[in-house]
């Protein structure tokens, strides 16, 4: 444990899934730059919440996180494809399977509405990140997990019910608009 890590981690505000983020991403990175080597700050800044395909990093917790995320997305794809009668093979990103993740995916897809499903998915992600914290208290791995949680909270903060409804309406209207455009472009094809 290096002193920079200890003081930095000890000074960070506690994060909670059910509360807004107490520190902005840029402020977190600014704090890191005061206490950590530039290479460590760059690693954090370049780490996205979802990296598909994920390239291996030098931090084991990040590699485990990305593998969990891939497996969870695969399980969601399997269940969605099964519901729709589609072949799931082209949609899989890796071959890994996990029975616990399959259960989580099934629970997520039981939601009728996208927002509760997204909440359930993000809560599962938060729980995974909590589990990865064991043994990492004052090191770069603990900061990487904190960073991912911050990214998750920031992502959730931009959810907007009104904008979501508008996007859904536009998506639902798209086939009608495409049909209207096709008919206007080729009226001779109409009966």
Protein backbone atom coordinates (compact mmCIF):
# COMPACT_ATOMS: atom_id res chain seq x y z
CA UNK A 1 0.00 0.00 0.00
CA UNK A 2 1.46 3.34 -1.04
CA UNK A 3 0.70 6.48 1.00
CA UNK A 4 -0.89 8.20 -2.01
CA UNK A 5 -3.46 5.44 -2.31
CA UNK A 6 -4.24 5.40 1.40
CA UNK A 7 -4.90 9.13 1.70
CA UNK A 8 -6.80 9.31 -1.56
CA UNK A 9 -9.09 6.35 -0.85
CA UNK A 10 -9.70 7.50 2.72
CA UNK A 11 -10.72 10.98 1.52
CA UNK A 12 -13.29 9.81 -1.04
CA UNK A 13 -16.99 10.20 -0.26
CA UNK A 14 -19.02 7.04 0.18
CA UNK A 15 -20.99 5.90 -2.86
CA UNK A 16 -24.51 4.51 -2.69
CA UNK A 17 -26.56 3.01 -5.50
CA UNK A 18 -29.69 4.79 -4.31
CA UNK A 19 -28.17 8.27 -4.04
CA UNK A 20 -26.73 10.69 -6.61
CA UNK A 21 -22.99 10.70 -7.03
CA UNK A 22 -21.30 12.92 -4.41
CA UNK A 23 -18.32 13.62 -6.69
CA UNK A 24 -18.11 14.27 -10.42
CA UNK A 25 -15.92 12.09 -12.61
CA UNK A 26 -13.64 15.00 -13.49
CA UNK A 27 -13.22 15.92 -9.81
CA UNK A 28 -12.33 12.32 -8.96
CA UNK A 29 -9.70 12.28 -11.72
CA UNK A 30 -8.34 15.62 -10.47
CA UNK A 31 -7.95 14.14 -6.98
CA UNK A 32 -6.23 11.11 -8.44
CA UNK A 33 -3.79 13.29 -10.36
CA UNK A 34 -2.73 14.92 -7.08
CA UNK A 35 -1.88 11.60 -5.41
CA UNK A 36 -1.10 9.03 -8.09
CA UNK A 37 1.35 8.54 -10.93
CA UNK A 38 0.14 9.78 -14.32
CA UNK A 39 0.02 6.23 -15.71
CA UNK A 40 -2.47 5.18 -13.01
CA UNK A 41 -4.66 8.24 -13.65
CA UNK A 42 -4.60 7.53 -17.37
CA UNK A 43 -5.64 3.92 -16.78
CA UNK A 44 -8.66 5.07 -14.78
CA UNK A 45 -9.63 7.81 -17.24
CA UNK A 46 -9.48 5.36 -20.16
CA UNK A 47 -11.59 2.72 -18.40
CA UNK A 48 -15.15 2.69 -19.63
CA UNK A 49 -18.02 1.05 -17.80
CA UNK A 50 -18.70 -1.25 -20.75
CA UNK A 51 -15.81 -2.12 -23.01
CA UNK A 52 -16.88 -4.39 -25.83
CA UNK A 53 -14.78 -6.16 -26.82
CA UNK A 54 -12.74 -5.83 -23.67
CA UNK A 55 -9.02 -5.95 -24.06
CA UNK A 56 -7.12 -7.26 -21.07
CA UNK A 57 -5.92 -4.61 -18.64
CA UNK A 58 -3.16 -4.75 -16.08
CA UNK A 59 -5.74 -4.81 -13.27
CA UNK A 60 -7.27 -8.17 -12.46
CA UNK A 61 -10.47 -6.62 -11.05
CA UNK A 62 -11.13 -4.85 -14.34
CA UNK A 63 -10.59 -8.05 -16.30
CA UNK A 64 -13.01 -9.89 -14.00
CA UNK A 65 -15.54 -7.03 -14.26
CA UNK A 66 -15.49 -7.02 -18.06
CA UNK A 67 -15.82 -10.80 -18.19
CA UNK A 68 -18.82 -10.67 -15.81
CA UNK A 69 -20.40 -7.93 -17.92
CA UNK A 70 -19.88 -9.96 -21.11
CA UNK A 71 -21.36 -13.08 -19.58
CA UNK A 72 -24.36 -11.15 -18.24
CA UNK A 73 -24.98 -9.58 -21.66
CA UNK A 74 -24.70 -13.04 -23.24
CA UNK A 75 -27.30 -14.42 -20.84
CA UNK A 76 -29.63 -11.51 -21.64
CA UNK A 77 -29.09 -12.15 -25.36
CA UNK A 78 -29.81 -15.87 -24.93
CA UNK A 79 -33.08 -15.21 -23.13
CA UNK A 80 -34.20 -12.52 -25.58
CA UNK A 81 -33.35 -14.71 -28.56
CA UNK A 82 -35.22 -17.62 -27.00
CA UNK A 83 -38.31 -15.41 -26.53
CA UNK A 84 -38.17 -14.26 -30.14
CA UNK A 85 -37.25 -17.62 -31.65
CA UNK A 86 -33.96 -16.27 -33.02
CA UNK A 87 -30.54 -17.87 -33.30
CA UNK A 88 -28.45 -16.32 -30.54
CA UNK A 89 -25.04 -17.35 -31.90
CA UNK A 90 -24.29 -14.15 -33.88
CA UNK A 91 -25.07 -12.04 -30.81
CA UNK A 92 -22.76 -13.76 -28.31
CA UNK A 93 -19.48 -12.07 -27.42
CA UNK A 94 -17.80 -14.94 -25.58
CA UNK A 95 -18.46 -18.54 -24.71
CA UNK A 96 -18.47 -18.19 -20.90
CA UNK A 97 -21.60 -19.20 -18.99
CA UNK A 98 -22.57 -18.73 -15.40
CA UNK A 99 -25.71 -20.14 -13.76
CA UNK A 100 -25.96 -17.25 -11.28
CA UNK A 101 -25.80 -14.72 -14.10
CA UNK A 102 -28.48 -16.65 -15.99
CA UNK A 103 -30.73 -16.28 -12.92
CA UNK A 104 -29.98 -12.56 -12.72
CA UNK A 105 -30.72 -12.14 -16.44
CA UNK A 106 -34.03 -13.99 -16.09
CA UNK A 107 -35.01 -11.76 -13.15
CA UNK A 108 -34.13 -8.63 -15.17
CA UNK A 109 -36.20 -9.73 -18.15
CA UNK A 110 -39.26 -10.37 -15.97
CA UNK A 111 -39.76 -6.60 -15.86
CA UNK A 112 -42.46 -5.39 -18.23
CA UNK A 113 -41.05 -1.88 -18.55
CA UNK A 114 -37.53 -0.90 -19.69
CA UNK A 115 -36.77 1.43 -16.76
CA UNK A 116 -37.36 -1.11 -13.97
CA UNK A 117 -35.39 -3.65 -16.02
CA UNK A 118 -32.53 -1.17 -16.37
CA UNK A 119 -32.68 -0.44 -12.63
CA UNK A 120 -32.49 -4.17 -11.90
CA UNK A 121 -29.58 -4.57 -14.31
CA UNK A 122 -27.66 -1.67 -12.77
CA UNK A 123 -28.35 -2.95 -9.26
CA UNK A 124 -26.88 -6.33 -10.29
CA UNK A 125 -23.83 -4.54 -11.71
CA UNK A 126 -23.42 -2.61 -8.45
CA UNK A 127 -23.57 -5.86 -6.50
CA UNK A 128 -20.88 -7.37 -8.74
CA UNK A 129 -18.66 -4.36 -8.13
CA UNK A 130 -19.25 -4.65 -4.37
CA UNK A 131 -18.14 -8.27 -4.53
CA UNK A 132 -14.95 -7.37 -6.38
CA UNK A 133 -13.95 -4.91 -3.63
CA UNK A 134 -13.02 -7.68 -1.18
CA UNK A 135 -9.28 -7.55 -0.54
CA UNK A 136 -8.88 -4.21 -2.32
CA UNK A 137 -9.02 -1.36 0.12
CA UNK A 138 -6.21 1.10 -0.50
CA UNK A 139 -4.84 0.22 -3.91
CA UNK A 140 -5.33 1.04 -7.57
CA UNK A 141 -7.87 -1.77 -7.88
CA UNK A 142 -10.06 -0.15 -5.21
CA UNK A 143 -9.87 3.12 -7.11
CA UNK A 144 -10.75 1.37 -10.37
CA UNK A 145 -13.85 -0.14 -8.74
CA UNK A 146 -14.77 3.26 -7.28
CA UNK A 147 -14.36 4.74 -10.77
CA UNK A 148 -16.69 2.12 -12.27
CA UNK A 149 -19.30 2.83 -9.61
CA UNK A 150 -19.01 6.54 -10.32
CA UNK A 151 -19.46 5.84 -14.03
CA UNK A 152 -22.55 3.75 -13.26
CA UNK A 153 -24.05 6.52 -11.09
CA UNK A 154 -23.29 9.16 -13.73
CA UNK A 155 -24.95 6.97 -16.37
CA UNK A 156 -28.05 6.59 -14.21
CA UNK A 157 -28.18 10.35 -13.60
CA UNK A 158 -28.81 11.05 -17.28
CA UNK A 159 -31.90 8.85 -17.43
CA UNK A 160 -34.85 11.07 -18.22
CA UNK A 161 -38.39 9.76 -18.31
CA UNK A 162 -39.62 12.37 -20.80
CA UNK A 163 -36.73 11.88 -23.22
CA UNK A 164 -37.09 8.13 -22.89
CA UNK A 165 -40.77 8.29 -23.84
CA UNK A 166 -39.95 10.48 -26.84
CA UNK A 167 -37.28 8.05 -28.03
CA UNK A 168 -39.70 5.16 -27.62
CA UNK A 169 -42.38 7.00 -29.59
CA UNK A 170 -39.89 7.78 -32.35
CA UNK A 171 -38.74 4.17 -32.41
CA UNK A 172 -42.31 2.87 -32.61
CA UNK A 173 -43.17 5.40 -35.32
CA UNK A 174 -40.10 4.52 -37.40
CA UNK A 175 -41.61 1.54 -39.28
CA UNK A 176 -44.67 3.64 -40.17
CA UNK A 177 -42.49 6.49 -41.38
CA UNK A 178 -40.31 4.13 -43.45
CA UNK A 179 -43.40 2.58 -45.00
CA UNK A 180 -44.80 6.04 -45.78
CA UNK A 181 -41.51 7.07 -47.38
CA UNK A 182 -41.30 3.87 -49.43
CA UNK A 183 -44.86 4.37 -50.70
CA UNK A 184 -44.16 7.97 -51.59
CA UNK A 185 -41.00 6.97 -53.45
CA UNK A 186 -42.64 4.16 -55.43
CA UNK A 187 -46.39 4.83 -55.72
CA UNK A 188 -46.62 2.44 -58.67
CA UNK A 189 -45.89 -0.46 -56.33
CA UNK A 190 -49.13 0.15 -54.46
CA UNK A 191 -52.12 -2.04 -55.42
